[in-house]
Amino acid sequence: MSETPSETPAKPIVAQAAPYPVAVEAGKTYWWCVCGRSAKQPFCDGAHKGTGLAPQRYDAEASRTLYFCGCKATAKSPLCDGSHNRL
């Protein structure tokens, strides 16, 4: 799900100022929404088209609950690092 970025990528928008808890399954691939425009947060629905942004792949190594970033400002993408507390 990658695309060639346009001249300057758009800035991500805050989908929510909190993480999304997700029960991931081992061996499954997830596509985290980088742009913040997806209606299926925290995952991609293709709403990034034309923004120069593309979703980030996450391959689950174990079945467990993870906290995917909702503010799109994390330094540990796609997982929350608490950046939403500084917005």
N, C-alpha and C. Protein backbone atom coordinates (compact mmCIF):
# COMPACT_ATOMS: atom_id res chain seq x y z
N MET A 1 0.82 -1.18 0.00
CA MET A 1 0.00 0.00 0.00
C MET A 1 0.86 1.25 0.00
N SER A 2 1.84 1.32 -0.84
CA SER A 2 2.64 2.53 -0.88
C SER A 2 2.30 3.30 -2.15
N GLU A 3 2.60 4.57 -2.11
CA GLU A 3 2.37 5.40 -3.27
C GLU A 3 3.51 6.39 -3.38
N THR A 4 3.71 6.93 -4.55
CA THR A 4 4.75 7.91 -4.75
C THR A 4 4.29 9.24 -4.16
N PRO A 5 5.05 9.81 -3.24
CA PRO A 5 4.62 11.06 -2.62
C PRO A 5 4.57 12.20 -3.64
N SER A 6 3.63 13.12 -3.45
CA SER A 6 3.58 14.31 -4.27
C SER A 6 4.73 15.20 -3.84
N GLU A 7 4.81 16.42 -4.33
CA GLU A 7 5.93 17.30 -4.04
C GLU A 7 6.23 17.38 -2.53
N THR A 8 5.31 17.85 -1.75
CA THR A 8 5.48 17.93 -0.30
C THR A 8 4.31 17.21 0.34
N PRO A 9 4.58 16.18 1.15
CA PRO A 9 3.48 15.47 1.80
C PRO A 9 2.67 16.39 2.72
N ALA A 10 1.39 16.13 2.81
CA ALA A 10 0.52 16.85 3.73
C ALA A 10 0.92 16.49 5.15
N LYS A 11 0.55 17.33 6.09
CA LYS A 11 0.81 17.01 7.49
C LYS A 11 -0.29 16.08 7.98
N PRO A 12 0.08 15.11 8.82
CA PRO A 12 -0.95 14.26 9.41
C PRO A 12 -1.88 15.09 10.30
N ILE A 13 -3.13 14.66 10.40
CA ILE A 13 -4.06 15.33 11.30
C ILE A 13 -4.32 14.41 12.49
N VAL A 14 -4.66 14.99 13.62
CA VAL A 14 -4.92 14.23 14.84
C VAL A 14 -6.26 13.52 14.69
N ALA A 15 -6.25 12.21 14.73
CA ALA A 15 -7.50 11.44 14.66
C ALA A 15 -8.18 11.46 16.02
N GLN A 16 -7.41 11.29 17.08
CA GLN A 16 -7.88 11.44 18.45
C GLN A 16 -6.66 11.62 19.34
N ALA A 17 -6.83 12.33 20.44
CA ALA A 17 -5.72 12.61 21.35
C ALA A 17 -5.60 11.54 22.42
N ALA A 18 -5.59 10.29 21.96
CA ALA A 18 -5.44 9.13 22.83
C ALA A 18 -5.10 7.93 21.94
N PRO A 19 -4.49 6.91 22.51
CA PRO A 19 -4.18 5.72 21.71
C PRO A 19 -5.43 4.87 21.46
N TYR A 20 -5.33 4.00 20.47
CA TYR A 20 -6.38 3.03 20.15
C TYR A 20 -5.91 1.66 20.64
N PRO A 21 -6.58 1.06 21.63
CA PRO A 21 -6.21 -0.29 22.03
C PRO A 21 -6.72 -1.29 21.00
N VAL A 22 -5.84 -2.16 20.53
CA VAL A 22 -6.19 -3.14 19.51
C VAL A 22 -5.63 -4.50 19.91
N ALA A 23 -6.49 -5.52 19.89
CA ALA A 23 -6.04 -6.89 20.14
C ALA A 23 -5.54 -7.43 18.80
N VAL A 24 -4.22 -7.47 18.64
CA VAL A 24 -3.63 -7.96 17.38
C VAL A 24 -3.44 -9.46 17.45
N GLU A 25 -3.40 -10.09 16.29
CA GLU A 25 -3.22 -11.53 16.19
C GLU A 25 -1.84 -11.83 15.60
N ALA A 26 -1.13 -12.76 16.21
CA ALA A 26 0.20 -13.16 15.73
C ALA A 26 0.13 -13.57 14.27
N GLY A 27 1.08 -13.10 13.48
CA GLY A 27 1.17 -13.46 12.07
C GLY A 27 0.33 -12.61 11.15
N LYS A 28 -0.49 -11.72 11.70
CA LYS A 28 -1.35 -10.87 10.88
C LYS A 28 -0.67 -9.53 10.60
N THR A 29 -0.92 -8.96 9.43
CA THR A 29 -0.38 -7.66 9.04
C THR A 29 -1.46 -6.59 9.21
N TYR A 30 -1.06 -5.47 9.77
CA TYR A 30 -1.95 -4.33 9.98
C TYR A 30 -1.35 -3.12 9.28
N TRP A 31 -2.20 -2.26 8.73
CA TRP A 31 -1.74 -1.04 8.05
C TRP A 31 -2.23 0.16 8.85
N TRP A 32 -1.31 0.76 9.61
CA TRP A 32 -1.62 1.91 10.46
C TRP A 32 -1.78 3.17 9.63
N CYS A 33 -2.85 3.91 9.89
CA CYS A 33 -3.11 5.17 9.20
C CYS A 33 -2.11 6.22 9.68
N VAL A 34 -1.32 6.74 8.77
CA VAL A 34 -0.34 7.77 9.08
C VAL A 34 -0.95 9.17 8.96
N CYS A 35 -1.90 9.33 8.05
CA CYS A 35 -2.43 10.66 7.72
C CYS A 35 -3.48 11.17 8.71
N GLY A 36 -4.17 10.28 9.41
CA GLY A 36 -5.22 10.69 10.34
C GLY A 36 -6.58 10.89 9.69
N ARG A 37 -6.69 10.63 8.40
CA ARG A 37 -7.94 10.88 7.67
C ARG A 37 -8.84 9.65 7.53
N SER A 38 -8.36 8.49 7.88
CA SER A 38 -9.13 7.25 7.74
C SER A 38 -10.35 7.23 8.63
N ALA A 39 -11.45 6.73 8.11
CA ALA A 39 -12.67 6.55 8.91
C ALA A 39 -12.60 5.26 9.71
N LYS A 40 -11.55 4.44 9.47
CA LYS A 40 -11.40 3.16 10.16
C LYS A 40 -10.19 3.19 11.09
N GLN A 41 -10.02 4.28 11.82
CA GLN A 41 -8.89 4.44 12.73
C GLN A 41 -8.77 3.27 13.69
N PRO A 42 -7.55 2.86 14.01
CA PRO A 42 -6.29 3.48 13.64
C PRO A 42 -5.72 2.95 12.33
N PHE A 43 -6.54 2.26 11.56
CA PHE A 43 -6.04 1.63 10.35
C PHE A 43 -6.46 2.36 9.09
N CYS A 44 -5.74 2.10 8.02
CA CYS A 44 -5.92 2.77 6.74
C CYS A 44 -7.18 2.32 6.01
N ASP A 45 -7.87 3.28 5.40
CA ASP A 45 -8.99 2.98 4.52
C ASP A 45 -8.79 3.60 3.14
N GLY A 46 -7.57 4.11 2.88
CA GLY A 46 -7.26 4.71 1.58
C GLY A 46 -7.48 6.20 1.52
N ALA A 47 -7.91 6.82 2.61
CA ALA A 47 -8.20 8.26 2.63
C ALA A 47 -6.95 9.12 2.43
N HIS A 48 -5.77 8.53 2.49
CA HIS A 48 -4.52 9.28 2.31
C HIS A 48 -4.24 9.62 0.85
N LYS A 49 -4.95 9.02 -0.06
CA LYS A 49 -4.68 9.22 -1.50
C LYS A 49 -4.60 10.71 -1.82
N GLY A 50 -3.53 11.10 -2.47
CA GLY A 50 -3.32 12.48 -2.86
C GLY A 50 -2.66 13.34 -1.81
N THR A 51 -2.35 12.77 -0.64
CA THR A 51 -1.73 13.56 0.43
C THR A 51 -0.20 13.47 0.42
N GLY A 52 0.32 12.47 -0.30
CA GLY A 52 1.75 12.23 -0.26
C GLY A 52 2.16 11.38 0.93
N LEU A 53 1.19 10.97 1.73
CA LEU A 53 1.44 10.10 2.88
C LEU A 53 0.98 8.69 2.54
N ALA A 54 1.51 7.71 3.23
CA ALA A 54 1.14 6.32 2.98
C ALA A 54 1.07 5.60 4.33
N PRO A 55 0.24 4.56 4.43
CA PRO A 55 0.13 3.83 5.70
C PRO A 55 1.42 3.09 6.03
N GLN A 56 1.56 2.76 7.30
CA GLN A 56 2.73 2.03 7.78
C GLN A 56 2.34 0.60 8.11
N ARG A 57 3.10 -0.33 7.61
CA ARG A 57 2.87 -1.75 7.85
C ARG A 57 3.33 -2.13 9.26
N TYR A 58 2.51 -2.96 9.91
CA TYR A 58 2.88 -3.52 11.20
C TYR A 58 2.57 -5.01 11.16
N ASP A 59 3.58 -5.83 11.37
CA ASP A 59 3.43 -7.29 11.40
C ASP A 59 3.43 -7.75 12.86
N ALA A 60 2.32 -8.28 13.31
CA ALA A 60 2.20 -8.72 14.71
C ALA A 60 2.99 -10.01 14.91
N GLU A 61 3.88 -9.98 15.87
CA GLU A 61 4.69 -11.16 16.20
C GLU A 61 4.03 -12.02 17.25
N ALA A 62 3.14 -11.42 18.05
CA ALA A 62 2.46 -12.14 19.11
C ALA A 62 1.02 -11.63 19.22
N SER A 63 0.14 -12.47 19.71
CA SER A 63 -1.24 -12.05 19.95
C SER A 63 -1.28 -11.35 21.30
N ARG A 64 -1.66 -10.08 21.30
CA ARG A 64 -1.73 -9.28 22.52
C ARG A 64 -2.41 -7.96 22.21
N THR A 65 -2.68 -7.17 23.22
CA THR A 65 -3.26 -5.85 23.03
C THR A 65 -2.13 -4.84 22.91
N LEU A 66 -2.19 -4.06 21.84
CA LEU A 66 -1.23 -2.98 21.61
C LEU A 66 -1.99 -1.67 21.54
N TYR A 67 -1.28 -0.58 21.74
CA TYR A 67 -1.89 0.74 21.72
C TYR A 67 -1.34 1.53 20.54
N PHE A 68 -2.15 1.61 19.48
CA PHE A 68 -1.75 2.31 18.27
C PHE A 68 -1.99 3.81 18.45
N CYS A 69 -1.05 4.61 17.97
CA CYS A 69 -1.10 6.06 18.10
C CYS A 69 -2.33 6.63 17.39
N GLY A 70 -3.03 7.54 18.07
CA GLY A 70 -4.17 8.22 17.48
C GLY A 70 -3.87 9.65 17.10
N CYS A 71 -2.83 10.23 17.70
CA CYS A 71 -2.51 11.64 17.43
C CYS A 71 -1.58 11.81 16.23
N LYS A 72 -0.97 10.72 15.79
CA LYS A 72 -0.07 10.69 14.63
C LYS A 72 1.23 11.45 14.87
N ALA A 73 1.59 11.68 16.14
CA ALA A 73 2.81 12.41 16.48
C ALA A 73 3.84 11.54 17.19
N THR A 74 3.57 10.25 17.34
CA THR A 74 4.47 9.36 18.06
C THR A 74 5.84 9.24 17.38
N ALA A 75 6.86 9.07 18.18
CA ALA A 75 8.20 8.80 17.66
C ALA A 75 8.42 7.30 17.54
N LYS A 76 7.47 6.50 18.03
CA LYS A 76 7.58 5.04 18.00
C LYS A 76 6.50 4.43 17.12
N SER A 77 6.23 5.06 16.00
CA SER A 77 5.13 4.61 15.13
C SER A 77 5.27 3.14 14.75
N PRO A 78 4.15 2.45 14.74
CA PRO A 78 2.79 2.95 14.82
C PRO A 78 2.22 2.97 16.23
N LEU A 79 3.04 2.69 17.25
CA LEU A 79 2.54 2.57 18.61
C LEU A 79 2.65 3.88 19.37
N CYS A 80 1.77 4.05 20.32
CA CYS A 80 1.71 5.26 21.14
C CYS A 80 2.95 5.40 22.02
N ASP A 81 3.48 6.62 22.09
CA ASP A 81 4.60 6.90 23.01
C ASP A 81 4.24 8.01 23.99
N GLY A 82 2.95 8.36 24.04
CA GLY A 82 2.49 9.41 24.96
C GLY A 82 2.56 10.81 24.38
N SER A 83 2.90 10.95 23.11
CA SER A 83 3.00 12.27 22.49
C SER A 83 1.71 13.07 22.58
N HIS A 84 0.57 12.38 22.63
CA HIS A 84 -0.73 13.07 22.71
C HIS A 84 -0.84 13.92 23.99
N ASN A 85 -0.05 13.58 24.99
CA ASN A 85 -0.06 14.37 26.25
C ASN A 85 0.61 15.73 26.09
N ARG A 86 1.33 15.92 25.00
CA ARG A 86 2.04 17.19 24.76
C ARG A 86 1.39 18.02 23.67
N LEU A 87 0.24 17.61 23.19
CA LEU A 87 -0.45 18.36 22.12
C LEU A 87 -1.19 19.56 22.69
